[in-house]
């Protein structure tokens, strides 16, 4: 592992070091969950910058998942540890650190 890191260029090390996220992804949410309920449920773990339920653009119905963005990575990690595999609004939810979108090709 160390040999692999040592072989990376300095620019790659910077990007690797910054490969963290203060945003979490929550799946299997009830279709009746609101942005405010999501924010309230996860506010116990830190300062929330935003909380949003993802909706279908055509029907505006919730898709059953959402994102919460915290002020720090540590707060996001605490939320994942505490809420992953818990019951929320009658459903078992899964919580993980959100993955970054790959850059779009072709602009």
PDB file of N, CA and C in Angstrom:
ATOM      1  N   UNK A   1       0.828  -1.200   0.000  1.00  0.00           N
ATOM      2  CA  UNK A   1       0.000   0.000   0.000  1.00  0.00           C
ATOM      3  C   UNK A   1       0.865   1.254   0.000  1.00  0.00           C
ATOM      4  N   UNK A   2       1.887   1.292   0.879  1.00  0.00           N
ATOM      5  CA  UNK A   2       2.749   2.472   0.928  1.00  0.00           C
ATOM      6  C   UNK A   2       3.506   2.664  -0.375  1.00  0.00           C
ATOM      7  N   UNK A   3       3.949   1.563  -0.992  1.00  0.00           N
ATOM      8  CA  UNK A   3       4.655   1.671  -2.268  1.00  0.00           C
ATOM      9  C   UNK A   3       3.734   2.258  -3.330  1.00  0.00           C
ATOM     10  N   UNK A   4       2.472   1.865  -3.275  1.00  0.00           N
ATOM     11  CA  UNK A   4       1.513   2.385  -4.246  1.00  0.00           C
ATOM     12  C   UNK A   4       1.303   3.883  -4.064  1.00  0.00           C
ATOM     13  N   UNK A   5       1.188   4.327  -2.819  1.00  0.00           N
ATOM     14  CA  UNK A   5       1.015   5.757  -2.550  1.00  0.00           C
ATOM     15  C   UNK A   5       2.267   6.524  -2.926  1.00  0.00           C
ATOM     16  N   UNK A   6       3.450   5.952  -2.643  1.00  0.00           N
ATOM     17  CA  UNK A   6       4.707   6.615  -2.960  1.00  0.00           C
ATOM     18  C   UNK A   6       4.871   6.803  -4.461  1.00  0.00           C
ATOM     19  N   UNK A   7       4.247   5.939  -5.257  1.00  0.00           N
ATOM     20  CA  UNK A   7       4.389   6.039  -6.709  1.00  0.00           C
ATOM     21  C   UNK A   7       3.468   7.094  -7.325  1.00  0.00           C
ATOM     22  N   UNK A   8       2.562   7.642  -6.538  1.00  0.00           N
ATOM     23  CA  UNK A   8       1.646   8.656  -7.059  1.00  0.00           C
ATOM     24  C   UNK A   8       2.345  10.003  -7.176  1.00  0.00           C
ATOM     25  N   UNK A   9       1.965  10.769  -8.176  1.00  0.00           N
ATOM     26  CA  UNK A   9       2.527  12.110  -8.337  1.00  0.00           C
ATOM     27  C   UNK A   9       1.985  13.020  -7.239  1.00  0.00           C
ATOM     28  N   UNK A  10       2.677  14.130  -6.948  1.00  0.00           N
ATOM     29  CA  UNK A  10       2.190  15.058  -5.919  1.00  0.00           C
ATOM     30  C   UNK A  10       0.772  15.559  -6.185  1.00  0.00           C
ATOM     31  N   UNK A  11       0.444  15.797  -7.456  1.00  0.00           N
ATOM     32  CA  UNK A  11      -0.914  16.257  -7.782  1.00  0.00           C
ATOM     33  C   UNK A  11      -1.941  15.199  -7.420  1.00  0.00           C
ATOM     34  N   UNK A  12      -1.644  13.932  -7.688  1.00  0.00           N
ATOM     35  CA  UNK A  12      -2.565  12.847  -7.344  1.00  0.00           C
ATOM     36  C   UNK A  12      -2.721  12.721  -5.832  1.00  0.00           C
ATOM     37  N   UNK A  13      -1.626  12.945  -5.096  1.00  0.00           N
ATOM     38  CA  UNK A  13      -1.706  12.859  -3.635  1.00  0.00           C
ATOM     39  C   UNK A  13      -2.646  13.921  -3.078  1.00  0.00           C
ATOM     40  N   UNK A  14      -2.628  15.105  -3.667  1.00  0.00           N
ATOM     41  CA  UNK A  14      -3.529  16.173  -3.215  1.00  0.00           C
ATOM     42  C   UNK A  14      -4.974  15.749  -3.421  1.00  0.00           C
ATOM     43  N   UNK A  15      -5.278  15.222  -4.621  1.00  0.00           N
ATOM     44  CA  UNK A  15      -6.649  14.790  -4.884  1.00  0.00           C
ATOM     45  C   UNK A  15      -7.028  13.619  -3.997  1.00  0.00           C
ATOM     46  N   UNK A  16      -6.104  12.709  -3.753  1.00  0.00           N
ATOM     47  CA  UNK A  16      -6.378  11.551  -2.909  1.00  0.00           C
ATOM     48  C   UNK A  16      -6.660  12.000  -1.478  1.00  0.00           C
ATOM     49  N   UNK A  17      -5.872  12.943  -0.990  1.00  0.00           N
ATOM     50  CA  UNK A  17      -6.043  13.445   0.367  1.00  0.00           C
ATOM     51  C   UNK A  17      -7.400  14.122   0.523  1.00  0.00           C
ATOM     52  N   UNK A  18      -7.870  14.800  -0.503  1.00  0.00           N
ATOM     53  CA  UNK A  18      -9.129  15.528  -0.430  1.00  0.00           C
ATOM     54  C   UNK A  18     -10.326  14.655  -0.787  1.00  0.00           C
ATOM     55  N   UNK A  19     -10.100  13.358  -0.931  1.00  0.00           N
ATOM     56  CA  UNK A  19     -11.169  12.450  -1.322  1.00  0.00           C
ATOM     57  C   UNK A  19     -12.029  12.086  -0.108  1.00  0.00           C
ATOM     58  N   UNK A  20     -12.729  13.069   0.413  1.00  0.00           N
ATOM     59  CA  UNK A  20     -13.634  12.854   1.527  1.00  0.00           C
ATOM     60  C   UNK A  20     -14.916  13.595   1.222  1.00  0.00           C
ATOM     61  N   UNK A  21     -15.913  13.324   2.010  1.00  0.00           N
ATOM     62  CA  UNK A  21     -17.171  14.002   1.766  1.00  0.00           C
ATOM     63  C   UNK A  21     -17.883  14.252   3.085  1.00  0.00           C
ATOM     64  N   UNK A  22     -18.510  15.378   3.179  1.00  0.00           N
ATOM     65  CA  UNK A  22     -19.335  15.670   4.343  1.00  0.00           C
ATOM     66  C   UNK A  22     -20.807  15.464   3.996  1.00  0.00           C
ATOM     67  N   UNK A  23     -21.053  14.821   2.850  1.00  0.00           N
ATOM     68  CA  UNK A  23     -22.419  14.540   2.415  1.00  0.00           C
ATOM     69  C   UNK A  23     -22.699  13.051   2.566  1.00  0.00           C
ATOM     70  N   UNK A  24     -23.885  12.743   3.080  1.00  0.00           N
ATOM     71  CA  UNK A  24     -24.282  11.343   3.225  1.00  0.00           C
ATOM     72  C   UNK A  24     -25.475  11.039   2.331  1.00  0.00           C
ATOM     73  N   UNK A  25     -25.591   9.767   1.969  1.00  0.00           N
ATOM     74  CA  UNK A  25     -26.659   9.262   1.119  1.00  0.00           C
ATOM     75  C   UNK A  25     -27.532   8.360   1.976  1.00  0.00           C
ATOM     76  N   UNK A  26     -28.837   8.583   1.958  1.00  0.00           N
ATOM     77  CA  UNK A  26     -29.785   7.787   2.738  1.00  0.00           C
ATOM     78  C   UNK A  26     -30.737   7.107   1.769  1.00  0.00           C
ATOM     79  N   UNK A  27     -30.809   5.769   1.840  1.00  0.00           N
ATOM     80  CA  UNK A  27     -31.691   5.024   0.936  1.00  0.00           C
ATOM     81  C   UNK A  27     -32.782   4.311   1.722  1.00  0.00           C
ATOM     82  N   UNK A  28     -33.807   3.870   0.977  1.00  0.00           N
ATOM     83  CA  UNK A  28     -34.974   3.163   1.512  1.00  0.00           C
ATOM     84  C   UNK A  28     -35.842   4.059   2.402  1.00  0.00           C
ATOM     85  N   UNK A  29     -35.882   5.335   2.111  1.00  0.00           N
ATOM     86  CA  UNK A  29     -36.730   6.262   2.869  1.00  0.00           C
ATOM     87  C   UNK A  29     -38.197   6.051   2.512  1.00  0.00           C
ATOM     88  N   UNK A  30     -39.062   6.330   3.466  1.00  0.00           N
ATOM     89  CA  UNK A  30     -40.497   6.326   3.206  1.00  0.00           C
ATOM     90  C   UNK A  30     -40.798   7.386   2.149  1.00  0.00           C
ATOM     91  N   UNK A  31     -41.728   7.107   1.286  1.00  0.00           N
ATOM     92  CA  UNK A  31     -42.099   8.063   0.247  1.00  0.00           C
ATOM     93  C   UNK A  31     -42.833   9.281   0.821  1.00  0.00           C
ATOM     94  N   UNK A  32     -43.144   9.245   2.096  1.00  0.00           N
ATOM     95  CA  UNK A  32     -43.825  10.364   2.749  1.00  0.00           C
ATOM     96  C   UNK A  32     -42.874  11.232   3.559  1.00  0.00           C
ATOM     97  N   UNK A  33     -41.579  10.916   3.566  1.00  0.00           N
ATOM     98  CA  UNK A  33     -40.588  11.701   4.305  1.00  0.00           C
ATOM     99  C   UNK A  33     -40.396  13.053   3.630  1.00  0.00           C
ATOM    100  N   UNK A  34     -40.340  14.111   4.436  1.00  0.00           N
ATOM    101  CA  UNK A  34     -40.105  15.457   3.909  1.00  0.00           C
ATOM    102  C   UNK A  34     -38.658  15.865   4.149  1.00  0.00           C
ATOM    103  N   UNK A  35     -38.229  16.927   3.467  1.00  0.00           N
ATOM    104  CA  UNK A  35     -36.887  17.471   3.673  1.00  0.00           C
ATOM    105  C   UNK A  35     -36.688  17.866   5.135  1.00  0.00           C
ATOM    106  N   UNK A  36     -37.704  18.476   5.730  1.00  0.00           N
ATOM    107  CA  UNK A  36     -37.599  18.924   7.123  1.00  0.00           C
ATOM    108  C   UNK A  36     -37.453  17.739   8.074  1.00  0.00           C
ATOM    109  N   UNK A  37     -38.231  16.681   7.859  1.00  0.00           N
ATOM    110  CA  UNK A  37     -38.121  15.492   8.705  1.00  0.00           C
ATOM    111  C   UNK A  37     -36.733  14.870   8.593  1.00  0.00           C
ATOM    112  N   UNK A  38     -36.201  14.846   7.394  1.00  0.00           N
ATOM    113  CA  UNK A  38     -34.865  14.306   7.181  1.00  0.00           C
ATOM    114  C   UNK A  38     -33.841  15.160   7.925  1.00  0.00           C
ATOM    115  N   UNK A  39     -33.950  16.460   7.792  1.00  0.00           N
ATOM    116  CA  UNK A  39     -33.054  17.376   8.482  1.00  0.00           C
ATOM    117  C   UNK A  39     -33.162  17.226  10.001  1.00  0.00           C
ATOM    118  N   UNK A  40     -34.378  17.174  10.509  1.00  0.00           N
ATOM    119  CA  UNK A  40     -34.587  17.039  11.956  1.00  0.00           C
ATOM    120  C   UNK A  40     -34.004  15.738  12.489  1.00  0.00           C
ATOM    121  N   UNK A  41     -34.172  14.644  11.757  1.00  0.00           N
ATOM    122  CA  UNK A  41     -33.696  13.336  12.209  1.00  0.00           C
ATOM    123  C   UNK A  41     -32.174  13.268  12.257  1.00  0.00           C
ATOM    124  N   UNK A  42     -31.507  13.978  11.353  1.00  0.00           N
ATOM    125  CA  UNK A  42     -30.054  13.890  11.271  1.00  0.00           C
ATOM    126  C   UNK A  42     -29.341  15.069  11.930  1.00  0.00           C
ATOM    127  N   UNK A  43     -30.073  16.037  12.449  1.00  0.00           N
ATOM    128  CA  UNK A  43     -29.447  17.217  13.060  1.00  0.00           C
ATOM    129  C   UNK A  43     -28.762  16.905  14.391  1.00  0.00           C
ATOM    130  N   UNK A  44     -29.085  15.786  15.002  1.00  0.00           N
ATOM    131  CA  UNK A  44     -28.458  15.423  16.279  1.00  0.00           C
ATOM    132  C   UNK A  44     -26.960  15.141  16.134  1.00  0.00           C
ATOM    133  N   UNK A  45     -26.484  14.958  14.899  1.00  0.00           N
ATOM    134  CA  UNK A  45     -25.097  14.563  14.687  1.00  0.00           C
ATOM    135  C   UNK A  45     -24.197  15.706  14.247  1.00  0.00           C
ATOM    136  N   UNK A  46     -24.770  16.888  14.044  1.00  0.00           N
ATOM    137  CA  UNK A  46     -23.951  18.028  13.669  1.00  0.00           C
ATOM    138  C   UNK A  46     -24.742  19.095  12.933  1.00  0.00           C
ATOM    139  N   UNK A  47     -24.018  20.077  12.449  1.00  0.00           N
ATOM    140  CA  UNK A  47     -24.615  21.199  11.732  1.00  0.00           C
ATOM    141  C   UNK A  47     -24.915  20.790  10.293  1.00  0.00           C
ATOM    142  N   UNK A  48     -26.176  20.867   9.940  1.00  0.00           N
ATOM    143  CA  UNK A  48     -26.609  20.473   8.598  1.00  0.00           C
ATOM    144  C   UNK A  48     -26.623  21.693   7.684  1.00  0.00           C
ATOM    145  N   UNK A  49     -25.924  21.572   6.559  1.00  0.00           N
ATOM    146  CA  UNK A  49     -25.927  22.633   5.561  1.00  0.00           C
ATOM    147  C   UNK A  49     -27.121  22.499   4.631  1.00  0.00           C
ATOM    148  N   UNK A  50     -27.498  21.248   4.319  1.00  0.00           N
ATOM    149  CA  UNK A  50     -28.683  21.027   3.483  1.00  0.00           C
ATOM    150  C   UNK A  50     -29.161  19.592   3.666  1.00  0.00           C
ATOM    151  N   UNK A  51     -30.464  19.404   3.457  1.00  0.00           N
ATOM    152  CA  UNK A  51     -31.079  18.072   3.484  1.00  0.00           C
ATOM    153  C   UNK A  51     -32.128  18.063   2.383  1.00  0.00           C
ATOM    154  N   UNK A  52     -32.056  17.063   1.521  1.00  0.00           N
ATOM    155  CA  UNK A  52     -33.010  17.046   0.411  1.00  0.00           C
ATOM    156  C   UNK A  52     -33.405  15.626   0.035  1.00  0.00           C
ATOM    157  N   UNK A  53     -34.683  15.474  -0.210  1.00  0.00           N
ATOM    158  CA  UNK A  53     -35.247  14.236  -0.728  1.00  0.00           C
ATOM    159  C   UNK A  53     -35.218  14.369  -2.253  1.00  0.00           C
ATOM    160  N   UNK A  54     -34.763  13.349  -2.932  1.00  0.00           N
ATOM    161  CA  UNK A  54     -34.709  13.388  -4.393  1.00  0.00           C
ATOM    162  C   UNK A  54     -36.078  13.020  -4.951  1.00  0.00           C
ATOM    163  N   UNK A  55     -36.530  13.815  -5.898  1.00  0.00           N
ATOM    164  CA  UNK A  55     -37.857  13.639  -6.489  1.00  0.00           C
ATOM    165  C   UNK A  55     -37.756  13.354  -7.976  1.00  0.00           C
ATOM    166  N   UNK A  56     -38.737  12.653  -8.479  1.00  0.00           N
ATOM    167  CA  UNK A  56     -38.837  12.394  -9.914  1.00  0.00           C
ATOM    168  C   UNK A  56     -39.152  13.718 -10.593  1.00  0.00           C
ATOM    169  N   UNK A  57     -38.369  14.130 -11.587  1.00  0.00           N
ATOM    170  CA  UNK A  57     -38.602  15.435 -12.207  1.00  0.00           C
ATOM    171  C   UNK A  57     -39.934  15.533 -12.957  1.00  0.00           C
ATOM    172  N   UNK A  58     -40.443  14.422 -13.428  1.00  0.00           N
ATOM    173  CA  UNK A  58     -41.687  14.448 -14.196  1.00  0.00           C
ATOM    174  C   UNK A  58     -42.912  14.481 -13.286  1.00  0.00           C
ATOM    175  N   UNK A  59     -42.921  13.635 -12.241  1.00  0.00           N
ATOM    176  CA  UNK A  59     -44.106  13.518 -11.380  1.00  0.00           C
ATOM    177  C   UNK A  59     -43.974  14.283 -10.069  1.00  0.00           C
ATOM    178  N   UNK A  60     -42.762  14.685  -9.722  1.00  0.00           N
ATOM    179  CA  UNK A  60     -42.447  15.366  -8.468  1.00  0.00           C
ATOM    180  C   UNK A  60     -42.667  14.474  -7.240  1.00  0.00           C
ATOM    181  N   UNK A  61     -42.779  13.173  -7.436  1.00  0.00           N
ATOM    182  CA  UNK A  61     -42.919  12.238  -6.321  1.00  0.00           C
ATOM    183  C   UNK A  61     -41.543  11.866  -5.786  1.00  0.00           C
ATOM    184  N   UNK A  62     -41.423  11.675  -4.471  1.00  0.00           N
ATOM    185  CA  UNK A  62     -40.134  11.260  -3.898  1.00  0.00           C
ATOM    186  C   UNK A  62     -39.705   9.899  -4.438  1.00  0.00           C
ATOM    187  N   UNK A  63     -38.394   9.743  -4.626  1.00  0.00           N
ATOM    188  CA  UNK A  63     -37.853   8.491  -5.148  1.00  0.00           C
ATOM    189  C   UNK A  63     -37.441   7.518  -4.043  1.00  0.00           C
ATOM    190  N   UNK A  64     -37.498   7.933  -2.783  1.00  0.00           N
ATOM    191  CA  UNK A  64     -37.155   7.023  -1.687  1.00  0.00           C
ATOM    192  C   UNK A  64     -35.715   7.121  -1.223  1.00  0.00           C
ATOM    193  N   UNK A  65     -35.015   8.163  -1.661  1.00  0.00           N
ATOM    194  CA  UNK A  65     -33.659   8.378  -1.154  1.00  0.00           C
ATOM    195  C   UNK A  65     -33.379   9.872  -1.085  1.00  0.00           C
ATOM    196  N   UNK A  66     -32.320  10.213  -0.349  1.00  0.00           N
ATOM    197  CA  UNK A  66     -31.993  11.620  -0.191  1.00  0.00           C
ATOM    198  C   UNK A  66     -30.562  11.821   0.258  1.00  0.00           C
ATOM    199  N   UNK A  67     -30.213  13.080   0.447  1.00  0.00           N
ATOM    200  CA  UNK A  67     -28.859  13.459   0.842  1.00  0.00           C
ATOM    201  C   UNK A  67     -28.926  14.466   1.984  1.00  0.00           C
ATOM    202  N   UNK A  68     -27.960  14.362   2.890  1.00  0.00           N
ATOM    203  CA  UNK A  68     -27.785  15.350   3.948  1.00  0.00           C
ATOM    204  C   UNK A  68     -26.339  15.797   3.867  1.00  0.00           C
ATOM    205  N   UNK A  69     -26.127  17.105   3.843  1.00  0.00           N
ATOM    206  CA  UNK A  69     -24.786  17.666   3.765  1.00  0.00           C
ATOM    207  C   UNK A  69     -24.463  18.319   5.106  1.00  0.00           C
ATOM    208  N   UNK A  70     -23.380  17.861   5.729  1.00  0.00           N
ATOM    209  CA  UNK A  70     -22.937  18.379   7.023  1.00  0.00           C
ATOM    210  C   UNK A  70     -21.822  19.407   6.853  1.00  0.00           C
ATOM    211  N   UNK A  71     -21.580  20.163   7.919  1.00  0.00           N
ATOM    212  CA  UNK A  71     -20.514  21.162   7.908  1.00  0.00           C
ATOM    213  C   UNK A  71     -19.138  20.499   7.888  1.00  0.00           C
ATOM    214  N   UNK A  72     -18.994  19.316   8.495  1.00  0.00           N
ATOM    215  CA  UNK A  72     -17.696  18.646   8.535  1.00  0.00           C
ATOM    216  C   UNK A  72     -17.829  17.165   8.197  1.00  0.00           C
ATOM    217  N   UNK A  73     -16.714  16.589   7.799  1.00  0.00           N
ATOM    218  CA  UNK A  73     -16.659  15.165   7.490  1.00  0.00           C
ATOM    219  C   UNK A  73     -16.917  14.324   8.745  1.00  0.00           C
ATOM    220  N   UNK A  74     -16.404  14.765   9.879  1.00  0.00           N
ATOM    221  CA  UNK A  74     -16.573  14.030  11.139  1.00  0.00           C
ATOM    222  C   UNK A  74     -18.050  13.904  11.515  1.00  0.00           C
ATOM    223  N   UNK A  75     -18.814  14.966  11.337  1.00  0.00           N
ATOM    224  CA  UNK A  75     -20.248  14.928  11.627  1.00  0.00           C
ATOM    225  C   UNK A  75     -20.948  13.918  10.716  1.00  0.00           C
ATOM    226  N   UNK A  76     -20.553  13.899   9.445  1.00  0.00           N
ATOM    227  CA  UNK A  76     -21.145  12.956   8.491  1.00  0.00           C
ATOM    228  C   UNK A  76     -20.833  11.522   8.908  1.00  0.00           C
ATOM    229  N   UNK A  77     -19.608  11.273   9.335  1.00  0.00           N
ATOM    230  CA  UNK A  77     -19.222   9.930   9.764  1.00  0.00           C
ATOM    231  C   UNK A  77     -20.002   9.495  10.999  1.00  0.00           C
ATOM    232  N   UNK A  78     -20.225  10.432  11.927  1.00  0.00           N
ATOM    233  CA  UNK A  78     -21.025  10.112  13.122  1.00  0.00           C
ATOM    234  C   UNK A  78     -22.450   9.729  12.744  1.00  0.00           C
ATOM    235  N   UNK A  79     -23.029  10.453  11.805  1.00  0.00           N
ATOM    236  CA  UNK A  79     -24.399  10.175  11.360  1.00  0.00           C
ATOM    237  C   UNK A  79     -24.488   8.803  10.701  1.00  0.00           C
ATOM    238  N   UNK A  80     -23.522   8.476   9.873  1.00  0.00           N
ATOM    239  CA  UNK A  80     -23.514   7.168   9.207  1.00  0.00           C
ATOM    240  C   UNK A  80     -23.454   6.069  10.257  1.00  0.00           C
ATOM    241  N   UNK A  81     -22.551   6.208  11.187  1.00  0.00           N
ATOM    242  CA  UNK A  81     -22.368   5.184  12.225  1.00  0.00           C
ATOM    243  C   UNK A  81     -23.636   5.001  13.069  1.00  0.00           C
ATOM    244  N   UNK A  82     -24.291   6.097  13.380  1.00  0.00           N
ATOM    245  CA  UNK A  82     -25.466   6.039  14.262  1.00  0.00           C
ATOM    246  C   UNK A  82     -26.749   5.616  13.541  1.00  0.00           C
ATOM    247  N   UNK A  83     -26.908   5.988  12.280  1.00  0.00           N
ATOM    248  CA  UNK A  83     -28.200   5.799  11.616  1.00  0.00           C
ATOM    249  C   UNK A  83     -28.268   4.647  10.622  1.00  0.00           C
ATOM    250  N   UNK A  84     -27.136   4.134  10.168  1.00  0.00           N
ATOM    251  CA  UNK A  84     -27.158   3.045   9.191  1.00  0.00           C
ATOM    252  C   UNK A  84     -27.785   1.803   9.814  1.00  0.00           C
ATOM    253  N   UNK A  85     -28.791   1.263   9.129  1.00  0.00           N
ATOM    254  CA  UNK A  85     -29.464   0.058   9.613  1.00  0.00           C
ATOM    255  C   UNK A  85     -30.513   0.316  10.678  1.00  0.00           C
ATOM    256  N   UNK A  86     -30.929   1.555  10.848  1.00  0.00           N
ATOM    257  CA  UNK A  86     -31.958   1.911  11.834  1.00  0.00           C
ATOM    258  C   UNK A  86     -33.326   1.997  11.177  1.00  0.00           C
ATOM    259  N   UNK A  87     -34.340   1.985  12.020  1.00  0.00           N
ATOM    260  CA  UNK A  87     -35.712   2.191  11.549  1.00  0.00           C
ATOM    261  C   UNK A  87     -36.013   3.683  11.617  1.00  0.00           C
ATOM    262  N   UNK A  88     -36.474   4.236  10.506  1.00  0.00           N
ATOM    263  CA  UNK A  88     -36.856   5.646  10.435  1.00  0.00           C
ATOM    264  C   UNK A  88     -38.190   5.722   9.714  1.00  0.00           C
ATOM    265  N   UNK A  89     -39.183   6.281  10.378  1.00  0.00           N
ATOM    266  CA  UNK A  89     -40.544   6.378   9.835  1.00  0.00           C
ATOM    267  C   UNK A  89     -41.060   5.019   9.385  1.00  0.00           C
ATOM    268  N   UNK A  90     -40.769   3.985  10.179  1.00  0.00           N
ATOM    269  CA  UNK A  90     -41.290   2.652   9.913  1.00  0.00           C
ATOM    270  C   UNK A  90     -40.538   1.845   8.876  1.00  0.00           C
ATOM    271  N   UNK A  91     -39.394   2.338   8.412  1.00  0.00           N
ATOM    272  CA  UNK A  91     -38.622   1.621   7.386  1.00  0.00           C
ATOM    273  C   UNK A  91     -37.168   1.497   7.801  1.00  0.00           C
ATOM    274  N   UNK A  92     -36.572   0.382   7.442  1.00  0.00           N
ATOM    275  CA  UNK A  92     -35.145   0.172   7.654  1.00  0.00           C
ATOM    276  C   UNK A  92     -34.402   0.997   6.616  1.00  0.00           C
ATOM    277  N   UNK A  93     -33.545   1.921   7.083  1.00  0.00           N
ATOM    278  CA  UNK A  93     -32.810   2.777   6.147  1.00  0.00           C
ATOM    279  C   UNK A  93     -31.334   2.404   6.135  1.00  0.00           C
ATOM    280  N   UNK A  94     -30.683   2.748   5.051  1.00  0.00           N
ATOM    281  CA  UNK A  94     -29.245   2.549   4.919  1.00  0.00           C
ATOM    282  C   UNK A  94     -28.604   3.903   4.680  1.00  0.00           C
ATOM    283  N   UNK A  95     -27.493   4.147   5.372  1.00  0.00           N
ATOM    284  CA  UNK A  95     -26.825   5.443   5.314  1.00  0.00           C
ATOM    285  C   UNK A  95     -25.347   5.206   5.015  1.00  0.00           C
ATOM    286  N   UNK A  96     -24.819   5.974   4.072  1.00  0.00           N
ATOM    287  CA  UNK A  96     -23.398   5.864   3.742  1.00  0.00           C
ATOM    288  C   UNK A  96     -22.882   7.214   3.268  1.00  0.00           C
ATOM    289  N   UNK A  97     -21.561   7.359   3.256  1.00  0.00           N
ATOM    290  CA  UNK A  97     -20.965   8.577   2.723  1.00  0.00           C
ATOM    291  C   UNK A  97     -21.302   8.621   1.226  1.00  0.00           C
ATOM    292  N   UNK A  98     -21.747   9.779   0.769  1.00  0.00           N
ATOM    293  CA  UNK A  98     -22.139   9.931  -0.639  1.00  0.00           C
ATOM    294  C   UNK A  98     -20.908   9.830  -1.533  1.00  0.00           C
ATOM    295  N   UNK A  99     -21.078   9.164  -2.639  1.00  0.00           N
ATOM    296  CA  UNK A  99     -19.994   9.048  -3.620  1.00  0.00           C
ATOM    297  C   UNK A  99     -20.063  10.224  -4.574  1.00  0.00           C
ATOM    298  N   UNK A 100     -18.916  10.687  -4.977  1.00  0.00           N
ATOM    299  CA  UNK A 100     -18.875  11.795  -5.926  1.00  0.00           C
ATOM    300  C   UNK A 100     -19.278  11.317  -7.301  1.00  0.00           C
ATOM    301  N   UNK A 101     -19.966  12.174  -8.036  1.00  0.00           N
ATOM    302  CA  UNK A 101     -20.313  11.879  -9.425  1.00  0.00           C
ATOM    303  C   UNK A 101     -19.036  11.911 -10.258  1.00  0.00           C
ATOM    304  N   UNK A 102     -18.886  10.948 -11.164  1.00  0.00           N
ATOM    305  CA  UNK A 102     -17.730  11.041 -12.067  1.00  0.00           C
ATOM    306  C   UNK A 102     -17.916  12.227 -13.003  1.00  0.00           C
ATOM    307  N   UNK A 103     -16.815  12.865 -13.427  1.00  0.00           N
ATOM    308  CA  UNK A 103     -16.966  14.005 -14.335  1.00  0.00           C
ATOM    309  C   UNK A 103     -17.668  13.572 -15.613  1.00  0.00           C
ATOM    310  N   UNK A 104     -18.567  14.408 -16.099  1.00  0.00           N
ATOM    311  CA  UNK A 104     -19.297  14.054 -17.329  1.00  0.00           C
ATOM    312  C   UNK A 104     -18.365  14.151 -18.522  1.00  0.00           C
ATOM    313  N   UNK A 105     -18.536  13.200 -19.418  1.00  0.00           N
ATOM    314  CA  UNK A 105     -17.693  13.179 -20.616  1.00  0.00           C
ATOM    315  C   UNK A 105     -18.367  13.971 -21.731  1.00  0.00           C
ATOM    316  N   UNK A 106     -17.571  14.695 -22.463  1.00  0.00           N
ATOM    317  CA  UNK A 106     -18.095  15.433 -23.598  1.00  0.00           C
ATOM    318  C   UNK A 106     -18.686  16.783 -23.225  1.00  0.00           C
ATOM    319  N   UNK A 107     -18.575  17.166 -21.940  1.00  0.00           N
ATOM    320  CA  UNK A 107     -18.964  18.487 -21.492  1.00  0.00           C
ATOM    321  C   UNK A 107     -20.386  18.716 -21.473  1.00  0.00           C
TER     322      UNK A 107
END
